[in-house]
């Protein structure tokens, strides 16, 4: 799924769903925000899960650039 598809789904977002290209921007935005931790049976954190509302606010702030990148990827591929 690309970021627009994730946005449109309205679901909570896993850390692994954020492309490396956008990771730094998203991490800076999420600093201090709440999230969930997906843990294994021993309590070791496997991955963070971010609330859809927070993701949607970040997406909205970056929508123009995100859509531009999606269009570029479509043209290239």
PDB file of N, CA and C in Angstrom:
ATOM      1  N   UNK A   1       0.829  -1.194   0.000  1.00  0.00           N
ATOM      2  CA  UNK A   1       0.000   0.000   0.000  1.00  0.00           C
ATOM      3  C   UNK A   1       0.868   1.249   0.000  1.00  0.00           C
ATOM      4  N   UNK A   2       0.471   2.235  -0.801  1.00  0.00           N
ATOM      5  CA  UNK A   2       1.175   3.504  -0.712  1.00  0.00           C
ATOM      6  C   UNK A   2       0.516   4.356   0.379  1.00  0.00           C
ATOM      7  N   UNK A   3       1.097   5.503   0.655  1.00  0.00           N
ATOM      8  CA  UNK A   3       0.612   6.335   1.756  1.00  0.00           C
ATOM      9  C   UNK A   3      -0.819   6.822   1.545  1.00  0.00           C
ATOM     10  N   UNK A   4      -1.206   7.095   0.315  1.00  0.00           N
ATOM     11  CA  UNK A   4      -2.576   7.528   0.044  1.00  0.00           C
ATOM     12  C   UNK A   4      -3.558   6.397   0.330  1.00  0.00           C
ATOM     13  N   UNK A   5      -3.215   5.185  -0.035  1.00  0.00           N
ATOM     14  CA  UNK A   5      -4.087   4.042   0.236  1.00  0.00           C
ATOM     15  C   UNK A   5      -4.231   3.814   1.736  1.00  0.00           C
ATOM     16  N   UNK A   6      -3.148   3.998   2.470  1.00  0.00           N
ATOM     17  CA  UNK A   6      -3.204   3.875   3.929  1.00  0.00           C
ATOM     18  C   UNK A   6      -4.114   4.959   4.498  1.00  0.00           C
ATOM     19  N   UNK A   7      -3.937   6.183   4.006  1.00  0.00           N
ATOM     20  CA  UNK A   7      -4.777   7.311   4.440  1.00  0.00           C
ATOM     21  C   UNK A   7      -6.247   7.016   4.173  1.00  0.00           C
ATOM     22  N   UNK A   8      -6.534   6.554   2.975  1.00  0.00           N
ATOM     23  CA  UNK A   8      -7.923   6.276   2.590  1.00  0.00           C
ATOM     24  C   UNK A   8      -8.539   5.137   3.398  1.00  0.00           C
ATOM     25  N   UNK A   9      -7.725   4.199   3.852  1.00  0.00           N
ATOM     26  CA  UNK A   9      -8.246   3.053   4.610  1.00  0.00           C
ATOM     27  C   UNK A   9      -8.761   3.470   5.980  1.00  0.00           C
ATOM     28  N   UNK A  10      -8.173   4.524   6.563  1.00  0.00           N
ATOM     29  CA  UNK A  10      -8.590   4.986   7.881  1.00  0.00           C
ATOM     30  C   UNK A  10      -8.138   4.078   9.018  1.00  0.00           C
ATOM     31  N   UNK A  11      -7.292   3.097   8.720  1.00  0.00           N
ATOM     32  CA  UNK A  11      -6.820   2.160   9.738  1.00  0.00           C
ATOM     33  C   UNK A  11      -5.581   2.701  10.445  1.00  0.00           C
ATOM     34  N   UNK A  12      -5.305   2.150  11.626  1.00  0.00           N
ATOM     35  CA  UNK A  12      -4.062   2.478  12.318  1.00  0.00           C
ATOM     36  C   UNK A  12      -2.887   2.024  11.456  1.00  0.00           C
ATOM     37  N   UNK A  13      -1.740   2.668  11.638  1.00  0.00           N
ATOM     38  CA  UNK A  13      -0.593   2.472  10.752  1.00  0.00           C
ATOM     39  C   UNK A  13       0.561   1.819  11.495  1.00  0.00           C
ATOM     40  N   UNK A  14       1.088   0.777  10.903  1.00  0.00           N
ATOM     41  CA  UNK A  14       2.265   0.108  11.458  1.00  0.00           C
ATOM     42  C   UNK A  14       3.524   0.826  10.999  1.00  0.00           C
ATOM     43  N   UNK A  15       4.538   0.784  11.845  1.00  0.00           N
ATOM     44  CA  UNK A  15       5.820   1.406  11.540  1.00  0.00           C
ATOM     45  C   UNK A  15       6.364   0.924  10.194  1.00  0.00           C
ATOM     46  N   UNK A  16       6.183  -0.345   9.896  1.00  0.00           N
ATOM     47  CA  UNK A  16       6.717  -0.928   8.662  1.00  0.00           C
ATOM     48  C   UNK A  16       5.991  -0.426   7.409  1.00  0.00           C
ATOM     49  N   UNK A  17       4.850   0.209   7.557  1.00  0.00           N
ATOM     50  CA  UNK A  17       4.101   0.719   6.411  1.00  0.00           C
ATOM     51  C   UNK A  17       4.601   2.086   5.941  1.00  0.00           C
ATOM     52  N   UNK A  18       5.380   2.755   6.757  1.00  0.00           N
ATOM     53  CA  UNK A  18       5.905   4.067   6.388  1.00  0.00           C
ATOM     54  C   UNK A  18       7.163   3.859   5.556  1.00  0.00           C
ATOM     55  N   UNK A  19       7.163   4.342   4.308  1.00  0.00           N
ATOM     56  CA  UNK A  19       8.352   4.182   3.457  1.00  0.00           C
ATOM     57  C   UNK A  19       9.571   4.870   4.068  1.00  0.00           C
ATOM     58  N   UNK A  20      10.714   4.294   3.839  1.00  0.00           N
ATOM     59  CA  UNK A  20      11.967   4.825   4.382  1.00  0.00           C
ATOM     60  C   UNK A  20      12.149   6.299   3.999  1.00  0.00           C
ATOM     61  N   UNK A  21      11.721   6.659   2.817  1.00  0.00           N
ATOM     62  CA  UNK A  21      11.832   8.026   2.317  1.00  0.00           C
ATOM     63  C   UNK A  21      11.107   9.035   3.218  1.00  0.00           C
ATOM     64  N   UNK A  22      10.035   8.606   3.865  1.00  0.00           N
ATOM     65  CA  UNK A  22       9.206   9.480   4.687  1.00  0.00           C
ATOM     66  C   UNK A  22       9.403   9.246   6.184  1.00  0.00           C
ATOM     67  N   UNK A  23      10.230   8.291   6.549  1.00  0.00           N
ATOM     68  CA  UNK A  23      10.387   7.870   7.941  1.00  0.00           C
ATOM     69  C   UNK A  23      10.825   9.021   8.858  1.00  0.00           C
ATOM     70  N   UNK A  24      11.813   9.780   8.451  1.00  0.00           N
ATOM     71  CA  UNK A  24      12.331  10.860   9.299  1.00  0.00           C
ATOM     72  C   UNK A  24      11.252  11.914   9.569  1.00  0.00           C
ATOM     73  N   UNK A  25      10.551  12.321   8.529  1.00  0.00           N
ATOM     74  CA  UNK A  25       9.486  13.306   8.676  1.00  0.00           C
ATOM     75  C   UNK A  25       8.390  12.786   9.603  1.00  0.00           C
ATOM     76  N   UNK A  26       7.998  11.543   9.395  1.00  0.00           N
ATOM     77  CA  UNK A  26       6.939  10.957  10.216  1.00  0.00           C
ATOM     78  C   UNK A  26       7.387  10.819  11.670  1.00  0.00           C
ATOM     79  N   UNK A  27       8.609  10.360  11.892  1.00  0.00           N
ATOM     80  CA  UNK A  27       9.122  10.211  13.256  1.00  0.00           C
ATOM     81  C   UNK A  27       9.185  11.549  13.984  1.00  0.00           C
ATOM     82  N   UNK A  28       9.602  12.599  13.280  1.00  0.00           N
ATOM     83  CA  UNK A  28       9.644  13.930  13.903  1.00  0.00           C
ATOM     84  C   UNK A  28       8.248  14.389  14.290  1.00  0.00           C
ATOM     85  N   UNK A  29       7.280  14.148  13.407  1.00  0.00           N
ATOM     86  CA  UNK A  29       5.907  14.536  13.693  1.00  0.00           C
ATOM     87  C   UNK A  29       5.350  13.749  14.878  1.00  0.00           C
ATOM     88  N   UNK A  30       5.673  12.467  14.947  1.00  0.00           N
ATOM     89  CA  UNK A  30       5.114  11.589  15.971  1.00  0.00           C
ATOM     90  C   UNK A  30       5.784  11.735  17.331  1.00  0.00           C
ATOM     91  N   UNK A  31       6.915  12.418  17.399  1.00  0.00           N
ATOM     92  CA  UNK A  31       7.612  12.562  18.667  1.00  0.00           C
ATOM     93  C   UNK A  31       6.670  13.169  19.705  1.00  0.00           C
ATOM     94  N   UNK A  32       6.462  12.462  20.788  1.00  0.00           N
ATOM     95  CA  UNK A  32       5.593  12.918  21.860  1.00  0.00           C
ATOM     96  C   UNK A  32       4.143  12.497  21.707  1.00  0.00           C
ATOM     97  N   UNK A  33       3.795  11.886  20.572  1.00  0.00           N
ATOM     98  CA  UNK A  33       2.430  11.408  20.345  1.00  0.00           C
ATOM     99  C   UNK A  33       2.289  10.009  20.954  1.00  0.00           C
ATOM    100  N   UNK A  34       1.091   9.578  21.153  1.00  0.00           N
ATOM    101  CA  UNK A  34       0.843   8.240  21.661  1.00  0.00           C
ATOM    102  C   UNK A  34       0.856   7.210  20.547  1.00  0.00           C
ATOM    103  N   UNK A  35       1.192   5.984  20.900  1.00  0.00           N
ATOM    104  CA  UNK A  35       1.141   4.877  19.949  1.00  0.00           C
ATOM    105  C   UNK A  35       1.035   3.572  20.741  1.00  0.00           C
ATOM    106  N   UNK A  36       0.827   2.501  20.019  1.00  0.00           N
ATOM    107  CA  UNK A  36       0.766   1.173  20.624  1.00  0.00           C
ATOM    108  C   UNK A  36       2.016   0.404  20.246  1.00  0.00           C
ATOM    109  N   UNK A  37       2.355  -0.588  21.045  1.00  0.00           N
ATOM    110  CA  UNK A  37       3.493  -1.445  20.726  1.00  0.00           C
ATOM    111  C   UNK A  37       2.984  -2.864  20.494  1.00  0.00           C
ATOM    112  N   UNK A  38       3.339  -3.425  19.347  1.00  0.00           N
ATOM    113  CA  UNK A  38       3.022  -4.815  19.043  1.00  0.00           C
ATOM    114  C   UNK A  38       4.160  -5.657  19.611  1.00  0.00           C
ATOM    115  N   UNK A  39       3.848  -6.521  20.578  1.00  0.00           N
ATOM    116  CA  UNK A  39       4.877  -7.280  21.284  1.00  0.00           C
ATOM    117  C   UNK A  39       4.738  -8.769  21.020  1.00  0.00           C
ATOM    118  N   UNK A  40       5.847  -9.474  21.174  1.00  0.00           N
ATOM    119  CA  UNK A  40       5.785 -10.926  21.091  1.00  0.00           C
ATOM    120  C   UNK A  40       5.348 -11.486  22.443  1.00  0.00           C
ATOM    121  N   UNK A  41       5.303 -12.776  22.565  1.00  0.00           N
ATOM    122  CA  UNK A  41       4.809 -13.416  23.793  1.00  0.00           C
ATOM    123  C   UNK A  41       5.678 -13.142  25.014  1.00  0.00           C
ATOM    124  N   UNK A  42       6.926 -12.657  24.791  1.00  0.00           N
ATOM    125  CA  UNK A  42       7.833 -12.379  25.897  1.00  0.00           C
ATOM    126  C   UNK A  42       7.869 -10.895  26.257  1.00  0.00           C
ATOM    127  N   UNK A  43       7.054 -10.100  25.571  1.00  0.00           N
ATOM    128  CA  UNK A  43       7.005  -8.677  25.854  1.00  0.00           C
ATOM    129  C   UNK A  43       7.995  -7.842  25.068  1.00  0.00           C
ATOM    130  N   UNK A  44       8.733  -8.478  24.149  1.00  0.00           N
ATOM    131  CA  UNK A  44       9.677  -7.737  23.308  1.00  0.00           C
ATOM    132  C   UNK A  44       8.907  -7.004  22.213  1.00  0.00           C
ATOM    133  N   UNK A  45       9.188  -5.738  22.064  1.00  0.00           N
ATOM    134  CA  UNK A  45       8.486  -4.934  21.066  1.00  0.00           C
ATOM    135  C   UNK A  45       8.940  -5.331  19.673  1.00  0.00           C
ATOM    136  N   UNK A  46       7.947  -5.676  18.829  1.00  0.00           N
ATOM    137  CA  UNK A  46       8.231  -6.014  17.438  1.00  0.00           C
ATOM    138  C   UNK A  46       8.090  -4.787  16.546  1.00  0.00           C
ATOM    139  N   UNK A  47       7.079  -3.983  16.833  1.00  0.00           N
ATOM    140  CA  UNK A  47       6.777  -2.862  15.952  1.00  0.00           C
ATOM    141  C   UNK A  47       5.811  -1.905  16.654  1.00  0.00           C
ATOM    142  N   UNK A  48       5.912  -0.623  16.298  1.00  0.00           N
ATOM    143  CA  UNK A  48       4.973   0.361  16.826  1.00  0.00           C
ATOM    144  C   UNK A  48       3.794   0.509  15.875  1.00  0.00           C
ATOM    145  N   UNK A  49       2.633   0.787  16.445  1.00  0.00           N
ATOM    146  CA  UNK A  49       1.416   1.015  15.675  1.00  0.00           C
ATOM    147  C   UNK A  49       0.912   2.410  16.044  1.00  0.00           C
ATOM    148  N   UNK A  50       0.726   3.238  15.025  1.00  0.00           N
ATOM    149  CA  UNK A  50       0.327   4.632  15.242  1.00  0.00           C
ATOM    150  C   UNK A  50      -1.157   4.804  14.960  1.00  0.00           C
ATOM    151  N   UNK A  51      -1.784   5.662  15.725  1.00  0.00           N
ATOM    152  CA  UNK A  51      -3.215   5.911  15.566  1.00  0.00           C
ATOM    153  C   UNK A  51      -3.492   6.600  14.236  1.00  0.00           C
ATOM    154  N   UNK A  52      -4.572   6.192  13.607  1.00  0.00           N
ATOM    155  CA  UNK A  52      -4.906   6.722  12.277  1.00  0.00           C
ATOM    156  C   UNK A  52      -5.096   8.235  12.301  1.00  0.00           C
ATOM    157  N   UNK A  53      -5.626   8.778  13.374  1.00  0.00           N
ATOM    158  CA  UNK A  53      -5.850  10.227  13.449  1.00  0.00           C
ATOM    159  C   UNK A  53      -4.530  10.994  13.356  1.00  0.00           C
ATOM    160  N   UNK A  54      -3.505  10.498  14.044  1.00  0.00           N
ATOM    161  CA  UNK A  54      -2.191  11.151  13.991  1.00  0.00           C
ATOM    162  C   UNK A  54      -1.588  11.009  12.599  1.00  0.00           C
ATOM    163  N   UNK A  55      -1.689   9.818  12.028  1.00  0.00           N
ATOM    164  CA  UNK A  55      -1.168   9.608  10.679  1.00  0.00           C
ATOM    165  C   UNK A  55      -1.865  10.543   9.684  1.00  0.00           C
ATOM    166  N   UNK A  56      -3.167  10.660   9.805  1.00  0.00           N
ATOM    167  CA  UNK A  56      -3.939  11.481   8.868  1.00  0.00           C
ATOM    168  C   UNK A  56      -3.541  12.963   8.968  1.00  0.00           C
ATOM    169  N   UNK A  57      -3.257  13.434  10.184  1.00  0.00           N
ATOM    170  CA  UNK A  57      -2.799  14.829  10.337  1.00  0.00           C
ATOM    171  C   UNK A  57      -1.439  15.024   9.667  1.00  0.00           C
ATOM    172  N   UNK A  58      -0.520  14.052   9.876  1.00  0.00           N
ATOM    173  CA  UNK A  58       0.796  14.132   9.223  1.00  0.00           C
ATOM    174  C   UNK A  58       0.636  14.076   7.702  1.00  0.00           C
ATOM    175  N   UNK A  59      -0.188  13.169   7.221  1.00  0.00           N
ATOM    176  CA  UNK A  59      -0.417  13.028   5.784  1.00  0.00           C
ATOM    177  C   UNK A  59      -0.941  14.349   5.201  1.00  0.00           C
ATOM    178  N   UNK A  60      -1.926  14.928   5.858  1.00  0.00           N
ATOM    179  CA  UNK A  60      -2.511  16.174   5.373  1.00  0.00           C
ATOM    180  C   UNK A  60      -1.455  17.268   5.246  1.00  0.00           C
ATOM    181  N   UNK A  61      -0.529  17.342   6.190  1.00  0.00           N
ATOM    182  CA  UNK A  61       0.530  18.349   6.154  1.00  0.00           C
ATOM    183  C   UNK A  61       1.507  18.114   5.002  1.00  0.00           C
ATOM    184  N   UNK A  62       1.612  16.875   4.537  1.00  0.00           N
ATOM    185  CA  UNK A  62       2.583  16.510   3.501  1.00  0.00           C
ATOM    186  C   UNK A  62       1.929  16.010   2.214  1.00  0.00           C
ATOM    187  N   UNK A  63       0.637  16.191   2.107  1.00  0.00           N
ATOM    188  CA  UNK A  63      -0.128  15.585   1.011  1.00  0.00           C
ATOM    189  C   UNK A  63       0.408  15.950  -0.376  1.00  0.00           C
ATOM    190  N   UNK A  64       0.725  17.199  -0.610  1.00  0.00           N
ATOM    191  CA  UNK A  64       1.180  17.629  -1.926  1.00  0.00           C
ATOM    192  C   UNK A  64       2.439  16.862  -2.345  1.00  0.00           C
ATOM    193  N   UNK A  65       3.411  16.753  -1.448  1.00  0.00           N
ATOM    194  CA  UNK A  65       4.660  16.059  -1.755  1.00  0.00           C
ATOM    195  C   UNK A  65       4.445  14.550  -1.892  1.00  0.00           C
ATOM    196  N   UNK A  66       3.587  13.991  -1.049  1.00  0.00           N
ATOM    197  CA  UNK A  66       3.307  12.561  -1.105  1.00  0.00           C
ATOM    198  C   UNK A  66       2.655  12.198  -2.438  1.00  0.00           C
ATOM    199  N   UNK A  67       1.656  12.964  -2.854  1.00  0.00           N
ATOM    200  CA  UNK A  67       0.980  12.690  -4.121  1.00  0.00           C
ATOM    201  C   UNK A  67       1.919  12.873  -5.308  1.00  0.00           C
ATOM    202  N   UNK A  68       2.805  13.853  -5.226  1.00  0.00           N
ATOM    203  CA  UNK A  68       3.802  14.044  -6.281  1.00  0.00           C
ATOM    204  C   UNK A  68       4.689  12.810  -6.398  1.00  0.00           C
ATOM    205  N   UNK A  69       5.158  12.288  -5.279  1.00  0.00           N
ATOM    206  CA  UNK A  69       6.016  11.099  -5.290  1.00  0.00           C
ATOM    207  C   UNK A  69       5.273   9.880  -5.812  1.00  0.00           C
ATOM    208  N   UNK A  70       4.007   9.734  -5.455  1.00  0.00           N
ATOM    209  CA  UNK A  70       3.208   8.602  -5.949  1.00  0.00           C
ATOM    210  C   UNK A  70       3.075   8.691  -7.466  1.00  0.00           C
ATOM    211  N   UNK A  71       2.803   9.897  -7.983  1.00  0.00           N
ATOM    212  CA  UNK A  71       2.684  10.077  -9.431  1.00  0.00           C
ATOM    213  C   UNK A  71       3.997   9.800 -10.148  1.00  0.00           C
ATOM    214  N   UNK A  72       5.099  10.211  -9.578  1.00  0.00           N
ATOM    215  CA  UNK A  72       6.403   9.929 -10.168  1.00  0.00           C
ATOM    216  C   UNK A  72       6.645   8.425 -10.222  1.00  0.00           C
ATOM    217  N   UNK A  73       6.323   7.725  -9.135  1.00  0.00           N
ATOM    218  CA  UNK A  73       6.493   6.266  -9.111  1.00  0.00           C
ATOM    219  C   UNK A  73       5.625   5.591 -10.164  1.00  0.00           C
ATOM    220  N   UNK A  74       4.409   6.078 -10.365  1.00  0.00           N
ATOM    221  CA  UNK A  74       3.522   5.511 -11.384  1.00  0.00           C
ATOM    222  C   UNK A  74       4.108   5.718 -12.780  1.00  0.00           C
ATOM    223  N   UNK A  75       4.627   6.890 -13.037  1.00  0.00           N
ATOM    224  CA  UNK A  75       5.202   7.185 -14.351  1.00  0.00           C
ATOM    225  C   UNK A  75       6.438   6.322 -14.606  1.00  0.00           C
ATOM    226  N   UNK A  76       7.293   6.192 -13.605  1.00  0.00           N
ATOM    227  CA  UNK A  76       8.522   5.409 -13.755  1.00  0.00           C
ATOM    228  C   UNK A  76       8.215   3.934 -13.966  1.00  0.00           C
ATOM    229  N   UNK A  77       7.249   3.441 -13.235  1.00  0.00           N
ATOM    230  CA  UNK A  77       6.928   2.016 -13.339  1.00  0.00           C
ATOM    231  C   UNK A  77       5.900   1.794 -14.407  1.00  0.00           C
TER     232      UNK A  77
END
